[in-house]
Amino acid sequence: MFKAWFATPLWARVLLALILGAIVGYFWGEGAASIKIVGDIFIDFIKMLIVPLIFFSLVSGVTAIGDLGKLGSVGWRAILLFVITGQIAVWLGLGLGTFFAPGIGLDTSGIEMGVVPEPAPFDWREMLRSMIPVSPVKVMADVNVLPLIVFSLLVGVGILLARRDEDTENADTPGATRGAVAAVARAFDAGAVIFQKVTMVIMELTPFGVFALIAWVVGTLGLDAVTALGKLVALNYGGCVLIIAIMYVAILLLSRVSVTGFFRGMIDAIAVAYSTASSSATLPVTLRCTQRNLGVSRPTSSFIVSLGSTINMDGTAMYLGLATLFGAQIFGVDLSWADYGMIALLATVGSIGAAGIPGGGLVMMGAIFTAVGVPLETIAFVAGVDRIMDMMRTATNVTGDATVTVATATMLGEIDKTELASADDV
């Protein structure tokens, strides 16, 4: 029985739990609140991951860039494109959430919420000061995301600079100290991998958490909750389609790259990304597609695709903006323009910390909710359908990695467009 359970794909188990939970909640009514403890434990595990996953993933992501002095034209072009597309994506999510308001009209008075922090009046001076991690330990203990991100980035930059100095040391340097910085960098890489594995272990609890949470939500709020979740899923897919069909296609056209050839060449990677909901698992396929089917040189493709799988999460950034507004709407939290800016900043920079594995977005969601005062109970609503949305977000992320790779390679003349032409003729 256990073998059959684990042999079934996680997405299928989550979908089954979602359906069964909705049925149980509908017939059990408010009595379903008695099993909510199972979902609460699942959410607590997710909260547990916020600090270590962001810290190790961000530091590892920065050190993966390599020597800051050797990034050159490839690095800054790719990073600039990743940042621009990430910002456009998150503002698209905020726009969709504002215009369509999927959470408006849902009566949540029957749900007992935790304490929602009152947002302080916006003061740009105080915001700048709050970004400084005066006490990194306190920042981690309080799950204060923005200074945690700043601290993580600084640690990553410090490792790069120290590694550069270490590499230029003369042969007289004592052997005991040589390679020490590289060892630290490898330790952070290992930490990132370890917490990705921990996340995957916790994601195995998703079907049980989803069953309990959906039963509680439907039992307490009725089928209106299912309707609201349906709107959220539709907006998630719609936003991802807009990112691919408009933003990525525009980049390809500006790069004078065949759009049909690009998508024919990337179809294998997109299919794997959608089915696995993991950009990390899709990385080898993405590399093969960009090199063999799209004609990007191996060094350029290896660098940008690997970098993109770490820091480029356009689909996730869009969804984080959308989900934050969804939570604010269902719980009646008023968000200011300053909050919108904070969401855009955290969703773009924080998506670096959203590990390229199934469920990584849930961790970053909790971090952003905490920063802008949206109740973490929102996670209980979206956890049940997150996997369905994560599949499309991951396909978008992988398509974005390849788009930026092709665009940058075109600028530098590191692409053989005859490969694209052959893909177009298939």
Protein backbone atom coordinates (compact mmCIF):
# COMPACT_ATOMS: atom_id res chain seq x y z
CA MET A 1 0.00 0.00 0.00
CA PHE A 2 2.78 2.40 0.96
CA LYS A 3 4.68 1.49 -2.19
CA ALA A 4 1.65 2.30 -4.34
CA TRP A 5 1.14 5.59 -2.47
CA PHE A 6 4.68 6.83 -3.08
CA ALA A 7 4.67 5.47 -6.64
CA THR A 8 1.79 7.82 -7.43
CA PRO A 9 2.99 11.30 -8.55
CA LEU A 10 2.70 13.93 -5.83
CA TRP A 11 0.47 16.14 -7.95
CA ALA A 12 -2.02 13.27 -8.35
CA ARG A 13 -2.04 12.63 -4.59
CA VAL A 14 -2.59 16.34 -3.91
CA LEU A 15 -5.42 16.53 -6.44
CA LEU A 16 -7.08 13.46 -4.91
CA ALA A 17 -6.72 14.98 -1.42
CA LEU A 18 -8.21 18.24 -2.69
CA ILE A 19 -11.30 16.50 -4.09
CA LEU A 20 -11.79 14.23 -1.06
CA GLY A 21 -11.24 17.14 1.34
CA ALA A 22 -13.87 19.25 -0.43
CA ILE A 23 -16.37 16.37 -0.31
CA VAL A 24 -15.71 15.66 3.38
CA GLY A 25 -15.92 19.36 4.24
CA TYR A 26 -19.19 19.79 2.35
CA PHE A 27 -20.94 16.92 4.13
CA TRP A 28 -19.27 17.28 7.54
CA GLY A 29 -19.78 21.02 7.74
CA GLU A 30 -18.22 22.90 10.64
CA GLY A 31 -17.27 19.59 12.25
CA ALA A 32 -14.39 19.43 9.76
CA ALA A 33 -12.63 22.03 11.92
CA SER A 34 -11.68 19.15 14.23
CA ILE A 35 -9.08 17.90 11.71
CA LYS A 36 -7.66 21.35 10.96
CA ILE A 37 -4.79 20.55 13.34
CA VAL A 38 -3.27 18.37 10.60
CA GLY A 39 -3.23 21.33 8.22
CA ASP A 40 -1.87 23.61 10.94
CA ILE A 41 1.07 21.27 11.46
CA PHE A 42 1.75 21.31 7.72
CA ILE A 43 1.73 25.14 7.68
CA ASP A 44 4.04 25.21 10.72
CA PHE A 45 6.53 23.06 8.84
CA ILE A 46 6.40 25.52 5.93
CA LYS A 47 7.01 28.43 8.30
CA MET A 48 9.98 26.54 9.72
CA LEU A 49 11.64 26.57 6.29
CA ILE A 50 11.38 30.30 5.55
CA VAL A 51 14.60 31.51 7.16
CA PRO A 52 17.03 28.66 6.35
CA LEU A 53 15.78 28.17 2.81
CA ILE A 54 16.02 31.87 1.92
CA PHE A 55 19.40 32.29 3.64
CA PHE A 56 21.15 29.30 2.10
CA SER A 57 19.51 29.63 -1.32
CA LEU A 58 20.36 33.32 -1.69
CA VAL A 59 23.97 32.94 -0.55
CA SER A 60 24.40 29.90 -2.78
CA GLY A 61 22.76 31.73 -5.70
CA VAL A 62 25.14 34.68 -5.41
CA THR A 63 28.24 32.49 -5.12
CA ALA A 64 27.08 30.46 -8.12
CA ILE A 65 27.50 33.57 -10.26
CA GLY A 66 31.25 33.20 -9.88
CA ASP A 67 33.83 35.96 -9.70
CA LEU A 68 32.07 39.33 -9.69
CA GLY A 69 34.94 40.78 -11.69
CA LYS A 70 34.56 38.16 -14.42
CA LEU A 71 30.83 38.34 -15.00
CA GLY A 72 31.44 40.63 -17.95
CA SER A 73 28.93 41.33 -20.66
CA VAL A 74 27.15 37.98 -20.34
CA GLY A 75 26.42 38.35 -16.66
CA TRP A 76 25.11 41.90 -16.47
CA ARG A 77 22.92 41.52 -19.56
CA ALA A 78 21.34 38.31 -18.31
CA ILE A 79 20.84 39.59 -14.76
CA LEU A 80 19.34 42.85 -16.03
CA LEU A 81 16.86 40.94 -18.19
CA PHE A 82 15.98 38.64 -15.28
CA VAL A 83 15.32 41.62 -13.00
CA ILE A 84 13.25 43.52 -15.59
CA THR A 85 11.11 40.52 -16.50
CA GLY A 86 10.67 39.69 -12.80
CA GLN A 87 9.41 43.19 -12.04
CA ILE A 88 7.01 43.15 -14.98
CA ALA A 89 5.74 39.74 -13.87
CA VAL A 90 5.04 40.70 -10.26
CA TRP A 91 3.27 43.93 -11.27
CA LEU A 92 1.20 41.87 -13.70
CA GLY A 93 0.17 39.65 -10.77
CA LEU A 94 -0.69 42.71 -8.69
CA GLY A 95 -2.68 44.14 -11.60
CA LEU A 96 -4.64 40.92 -12.14
CA GLY A 97 -5.37 40.64 -8.43
CA THR A 98 -6.52 44.27 -8.23
CA PHE A 99 -8.67 44.21 -11.37
CA PHE A 100 -10.33 40.80 -10.98
CA ALA A 101 -10.30 40.73 -7.14
CA PRO A 102 -10.65 36.94 -6.73
CA GLY A 103 -10.93 37.18 -2.93
CA ILE A 104 -13.62 39.85 -2.71
CA GLY A 105 -17.02 38.73 -1.39
CA LEU A 106 -15.85 35.68 0.54
CA ASP A 107 -17.20 35.73 4.10
CA THR A 108 -14.36 34.68 6.42
CA SER A 109 -16.00 35.76 9.67
CA GLY A 110 -16.23 32.13 10.74
CA ILE A 111 -12.46 31.70 10.62
CA GLU A 112 -10.42 32.39 13.71
CA MET A 113 -7.33 34.26 12.61
CA GLY A 114 -4.05 34.92 14.30
CA VAL A 115 -2.94 38.41 15.19
CA VAL A 116 -2.60 40.59 12.09
CA PRO A 117 0.07 43.27 12.55
CA GLU A 118 -1.04 46.84 11.97
CA PRO A 119 0.93 48.33 9.08
CA ALA A 120 3.02 51.30 10.19
CA PRO A 121 2.70 54.64 8.35
CA PHE A 122 5.00 54.65 5.35
CA ASP A 123 8.28 56.48 5.89
CA TRP A 124 10.95 55.89 3.25
CA ARG A 125 13.69 56.75 5.74
CA GLU A 126 12.50 54.14 8.19
CA MET A 127 12.06 51.64 5.37
CA LEU A 128 15.67 52.13 4.32
CA ARG A 129 16.84 51.72 7.91
CA SER A 130 14.69 48.62 8.37
CA MET A 131 16.56 46.97 5.49
CA ILE A 132 19.78 47.01 7.52
CA PRO A 133 20.20 43.76 9.47
CA VAL A 134 21.49 45.36 12.67
CA SER A 135 21.20 42.02 14.45
CA PRO A 136 21.16 39.15 11.94
CA VAL A 137 20.19 36.69 14.68
CA LYS A 138 17.18 38.81 15.68
CA VAL A 139 16.25 39.24 12.02
CA MET A 140 16.16 35.48 11.60
CA ALA A 141 14.30 34.92 14.87
CA ASP A 142 11.64 37.50 13.89
CA VAL A 143 11.47 36.20 10.28
CA ASN A 144 12.09 39.77 9.07
CA VAL A 145 12.44 39.01 5.38
CA LEU A 146 13.84 42.19 3.80
CA PRO A 147 16.90 42.58 6.07
CA LEU A 148 17.36 38.80 5.88
CA ILE A 149 17.63 39.10 2.09
CA VAL A 150 20.09 42.00 2.40
CA PHE A 151 22.21 40.05 4.89
CA SER A 152 22.18 36.95 2.67
CA LEU A 153 23.21 38.93 -0.41
CA LEU A 154 26.04 40.61 1.52
CA VAL A 155 27.30 37.26 2.77
CA GLY A 156 27.28 35.94 -0.81
CA VAL A 157 29.16 38.99 -2.13
CA GLY A 158 31.63 38.70 0.74
CA ILE A 159 32.34 35.08 -0.18
CA LEU A 160 32.93 36.06 -3.81
CA LEU A 161 35.35 38.82 -2.85
CA ALA A 162 37.18 36.62 -0.36
CA ARG A 163 37.42 33.81 -2.90
CA ARG A 164 38.89 36.22 -5.43
CA ASP A 165 41.55 37.28 -2.93
CA GLU A 166 42.21 33.67 -2.03
CA ASP A 167 42.72 32.76 -5.68
CA THR A 168 45.29 35.53 -6.11
CA GLU A 169 47.33 34.63 -3.04
CA ASN A 170 50.92 33.62 -3.69
CA ALA A 171 52.30 30.16 -3.15
CA ASP A 172 53.76 31.14 0.21
CA THR A 173 50.30 31.21 1.79
CA PRO A 174 50.08 28.49 4.47
CA GLY A 175 48.38 25.45 3.06
CA ALA A 176 45.97 25.25 5.99
CA THR A 177 44.27 28.47 4.94
CA ARG A 178 44.19 27.95 1.19
CA GLY A 179 40.81 26.86 -0.06
CA ALA A 180 39.06 27.81 3.15
CA VAL A 181 36.74 30.31 1.44
CA ALA A 182 35.94 27.85 -1.32
CA ALA A 183 35.05 25.35 1.39
CA VAL A 184 32.68 27.89 2.96
CA ALA A 185 31.05 28.45 -0.45
CA ARG A 186 30.63 24.71 -0.85
CA ALA A 187 29.12 24.55 2.63
CA PHE A 188 26.44 27.06 1.63
CA ASP A 189 25.83 25.13 -1.59
CA ALA A 190 25.42 22.00 0.50
CA GLY A 191 23.11 23.86 2.89
CA ALA A 192 20.94 24.99 -0.01
CA VAL A 193 20.75 21.42 -1.31
CA ILE A 194 20.01 20.03 2.15
CA PHE A 195 17.12 22.41 2.76
CA GLN A 196 15.78 21.75 -0.72
CA LYS A 197 15.71 18.08 0.25
CA VAL A 198 14.04 18.96 3.57
CA THR A 199 11.46 20.93 1.61
CA MET A 200 10.82 17.93 -0.61
CA VAL A 201 10.34 15.75 2.47
CA ILE A 202 7.84 18.21 3.93
CA MET A 203 6.08 18.43 0.56
CA GLU A 204 5.29 14.72 1.01
CA LEU A 205 2.95 15.88 3.79
CA THR A 206 1.09 18.09 1.32
CA PRO A 207 -1.76 15.63 0.55
CA PHE A 208 -2.59 15.29 4.26
CA GLY A 209 -2.34 19.02 4.90
CA VAL A 210 -4.41 19.80 1.82
CA PHE A 211 -7.11 17.29 2.79
CA ALA A 212 -7.48 18.77 6.27
CA LEU A 213 -7.27 22.42 5.18
CA ILE A 214 -9.71 22.11 2.28
CA ALA A 215 -12.17 20.14 4.42
CA TRP A 216 -11.96 22.91 7.04
CA VAL A 217 -12.30 25.73 4.50
CA VAL A 218 -15.25 24.16 2.65
CA GLY A 219 -16.89 23.05 5.90
CA THR A 220 -16.62 26.57 7.32
CA LEU A 221 -17.21 28.72 4.24
CA GLY A 222 -19.11 26.41 1.92
CA LEU A 223 -18.64 26.14 -1.84
CA ASP A 224 -17.92 29.88 -2.11
CA ALA A 225 -14.36 29.04 -1.08
CA VAL A 226 -14.04 26.60 -3.99
CA THR A 227 -15.29 29.31 -6.38
CA ALA A 228 -12.71 31.79 -5.06
CA LEU A 229 -9.94 29.22 -5.45
CA GLY A 230 -11.11 28.50 -8.99
CA LYS A 231 -10.73 32.20 -9.82
CA LEU A 232 -7.23 32.21 -8.33
CA VAL A 233 -6.18 29.18 -10.41
CA ALA A 234 -7.63 30.75 -13.58
CA LEU A 235 -5.80 34.02 -12.93
CA ASN A 236 -2.55 32.16 -12.24
CA TYR A 237 -2.77 30.36 -15.58
CA GLY A 238 -3.91 33.52 -17.36
CA GLY A 239 -1.02 35.53 -15.93
CA CYS A 240 1.52 32.88 -16.96
CA VAL A 241 0.08 32.75 -20.48
CA LEU A 242 0.34 36.55 -20.73
CA ILE A 243 3.98 36.45 -19.59
CA ILE A 244 4.84 33.84 -22.22
CA ALA A 245 2.68 35.12 -25.09
CA ILE A 246 3.44 38.81 -24.70
CA MET A 247 6.63 39.47 -22.70
CA TYR A 248 8.73 36.51 -23.85
CA VAL A 249 7.50 36.67 -27.43
CA ALA A 250 8.31 40.41 -27.50
CA ILE A 251 11.86 39.68 -26.29
CA LEU A 252 12.27 37.02 -28.97
CA LEU A 253 10.96 39.34 -31.70
CA LEU A 254 13.27 42.16 -30.58
CA SER A 255 16.12 39.64 -30.71
CA ARG A 256 15.03 38.66 -34.24
CA VAL A 257 14.60 35.06 -33.20
CA SER A 258 12.02 32.73 -34.75
CA VAL A 259 9.21 32.41 -32.23
CA THR A 260 7.91 29.14 -33.64
CA GLY A 261 11.43 27.73 -33.85
CA PHE A 262 12.04 28.70 -30.24
CA PHE A 263 8.95 26.97 -28.88
CA ARG A 264 9.46 23.89 -31.07
CA GLY A 265 13.00 23.65 -29.74
CA MET A 266 11.91 24.12 -26.11
CA ILE A 267 8.82 21.89 -26.08
CA ASP A 268 10.61 19.02 -24.29
CA ALA A 269 11.84 21.24 -21.47
CA ILE A 270 8.47 22.97 -21.09
CA ALA A 271 6.70 19.60 -20.89
CA VAL A 272 9.12 18.29 -18.24
CA ALA A 273 8.81 21.54 -16.26
CA TYR A 274 5.01 21.33 -16.28
CA SER A 275 4.91 17.69 -15.24
CA THR A 276 7.57 17.90 -12.50
CA ALA A 277 6.87 21.46 -11.23
CA SER A 278 10.63 21.68 -10.64
CA SER A 279 12.93 23.98 -12.58
CA SER A 280 15.92 22.29 -10.91
CA ALA A 281 14.84 18.87 -12.16
CA THR A 282 14.28 20.35 -15.63
CA LEU A 283 17.75 21.96 -15.80
CA PRO A 284 19.48 19.17 -17.81
CA VAL A 285 16.66 19.15 -20.37
CA THR A 286 16.70 22.96 -20.63
CA LEU A 287 20.45 22.90 -21.27
CA ARG A 288 20.08 20.27 -23.97
CA CYS A 289 17.27 22.19 -25.69
CA THR A 290 19.06 25.55 -25.66
CA GLN A 291 22.30 24.07 -26.94
CA ARG A 292 21.12 21.47 -29.46
CA ASN A 293 17.79 22.88 -30.63
CA LEU A 294 18.30 26.64 -30.25
CA GLY A 295 21.97 26.81 -31.16
CA VAL A 296 23.27 28.70 -28.13
CA SER A 297 26.98 28.14 -27.43
CA ARG A 298 27.70 25.75 -24.58
CA PRO A 299 29.52 28.25 -22.28
CA THR A 300 26.83 30.92 -22.65
CA SER A 301 23.97 28.46 -22.27
CA SER A 302 25.51 26.70 -19.27
CA PHE A 303 26.08 29.98 -17.45
CA ILE A 304 22.75 31.71 -18.12
CA VAL A 305 20.45 28.69 -17.82
CA SER A 306 22.09 27.61 -14.57
CA LEU A 307 21.89 31.18 -13.26
CA GLY A 308 18.28 31.49 -14.41
CA SER A 309 17.21 28.26 -12.72
CA THR A 310 18.39 29.89 -9.48
CA ILE A 311 17.34 33.53 -9.75
CA ASN A 312 14.73 33.71 -12.53
CA MET A 313 11.22 32.89 -11.29
CA ASP A 314 8.87 35.11 -13.32
CA GLY A 315 5.89 32.79 -12.94
CA THR A 316 6.51 32.55 -9.21
CA ALA A 317 6.95 36.33 -8.88
CA MET A 318 3.66 36.95 -10.70
CA TYR A 319 1.87 34.47 -8.47
CA LEU A 320 3.33 35.87 -5.25
CA GLY A 321 1.87 39.28 -6.10
CA LEU A 322 -1.48 37.74 -7.04
CA ALA A 323 -1.66 35.49 -3.96
CA THR A 324 -0.78 38.33 -1.59
CA LEU A 325 -3.66 40.42 -2.94
CA PHE A 326 -5.93 37.37 -2.74
CA GLY A 327 -5.09 36.98 0.95
CA ALA A 328 -5.52 40.69 1.61
CA GLN A 329 -8.95 40.63 -0.06
CA ILE A 330 -10.38 37.59 1.69
CA PHE A 331 -9.29 38.88 5.11
CA GLY A 332 -10.03 42.56 4.49
CA VAL A 333 -6.47 43.88 4.80
CA ASP A 334 -5.96 47.28 3.16
CA LEU A 335 -2.69 47.52 1.26
CA SER A 336 -1.12 50.85 0.39
CA TRP A 337 1.03 51.69 -2.63
CA ALA A 338 4.01 51.35 -0.32
CA ASP A 339 2.87 47.79 0.42
CA TYR A 340 2.57 47.15 -3.32
CA GLY A 341 6.16 48.33 -3.73
CA MET A 342 7.28 46.09 -0.88
CA ILE A 343 5.50 43.12 -2.45
CA ALA A 344 7.13 43.85 -5.82
CA LEU A 345 10.57 44.09 -4.23
CA LEU A 346 10.23 40.97 -2.10
CA ALA A 347 8.60 38.91 -4.85
CA THR A 348 11.37 39.78 -7.31
CA VAL A 349 14.35 39.47 -4.99
CA GLY A 350 12.72 36.81 -2.84
CA SER A 351 11.96 34.59 -5.81
CA ILE A 352 15.71 33.93 -5.81
CA GLY A 353 15.09 32.15 -2.53
CA ALA A 354 12.12 30.22 -3.91
CA ALA A 355 13.97 26.97 -4.50
CA GLY A 356 13.36 25.40 -7.89
CA ILE A 357 11.44 22.49 -6.39
CA PRO A 358 7.72 21.78 -5.96
CA GLY A 359 6.24 23.87 -3.16
CA GLY A 360 9.09 26.39 -2.96
CA GLY A 361 6.64 29.22 -3.66
CA LEU A 362 4.65 28.41 -0.50
CA VAL A 363 7.69 29.23 1.61
CA MET A 364 8.23 32.62 -0.03
CA MET A 365 4.51 33.31 0.20
CA GLY A 366 4.66 33.06 3.98
CA ALA A 367 7.62 35.44 4.04
CA ILE A 368 5.86 38.10 1.96
CA PHE A 369 2.59 37.77 3.89
CA THR A 370 4.50 38.40 7.11
CA ALA A 371 6.16 41.52 5.67
CA VAL A 372 2.92 43.26 4.61
CA GLY A 373 0.57 42.04 7.34
CA VAL A 374 -1.48 39.51 5.37
CA PRO A 375 -2.65 36.62 7.62
CA LEU A 376 -0.73 33.39 7.15
CA GLU A 377 -4.09 31.61 7.17
CA THR A 378 -4.16 32.51 3.48
CA ILE A 379 -1.73 29.66 2.91
CA ALA A 380 -4.44 27.31 4.15
CA PHE A 381 -6.64 28.46 1.27
CA VAL A 382 -4.09 28.20 -1.52
CA ALA A 383 -2.10 25.15 -0.37
CA GLY A 384 -4.73 22.80 -1.77
CA VAL A 385 -4.43 24.10 -5.31
CA ASP A 386 -0.83 25.29 -5.19
CA ARG A 387 0.55 22.24 -6.98
CA ILE A 388 -1.86 22.72 -9.90
CA MET A 389 -0.68 26.31 -10.24
CA ASP A 390 2.96 25.47 -9.56
CA MET A 391 3.11 23.31 -12.68
CA MET A 392 2.22 26.26 -14.91
CA ARG A 393 4.47 28.65 -13.01
CA THR A 394 7.43 26.31 -13.44
CA ALA A 395 6.79 25.97 -17.17
CA THR A 396 6.81 29.78 -17.33
CA ASN A 397 10.03 30.02 -15.33
CA VAL A 398 11.84 27.56 -17.59
CA THR A 399 10.57 29.31 -20.73
CA GLY A 400 11.91 32.57 -19.28
CA ASP A 401 15.33 31.01 -18.63
CA ALA A 402 15.57 29.98 -22.27
CA THR A 403 14.23 33.31 -23.57
CA VAL A 404 16.84 35.33 -21.70
CA THR A 405 19.54 32.84 -22.76
CA VAL A 406 18.65 33.20 -26.43
CA ALA A 407 18.31 37.00 -26.21
CA THR A 408 21.68 37.41 -24.48
CA ALA A 409 23.39 34.98 -26.84
CA THR A 410 21.99 36.94 -29.80
CA MET A 411 23.42 40.22 -28.44
CA LEU A 412 26.86 38.61 -28.10
CA GLY A 413 26.77 36.58 -31.32
CA GLU A 414 26.92 33.33 -29.34
CA ILE A 415 24.06 31.62 -31.18
CA ASP A 416 23.81 29.58 -34.36
CA LYS A 417 20.44 30.56 -35.80
CA THR A 418 20.58 27.75 -38.35
CA GLU A 419 19.74 25.46 -35.44
CA LEU A 420 16.68 27.58 -34.74
CA ALA A 421 15.76 27.46 -38.41
CA SER A 422 15.98 23.66 -38.40
CA ALA A 423 13.75 23.56 -35.33
CA ASP A 424 11.30 25.78 -37.16
CA ASP A 425 11.15 23.34 -40.06
CA VAL A 426 10.35 20.29 -37.89
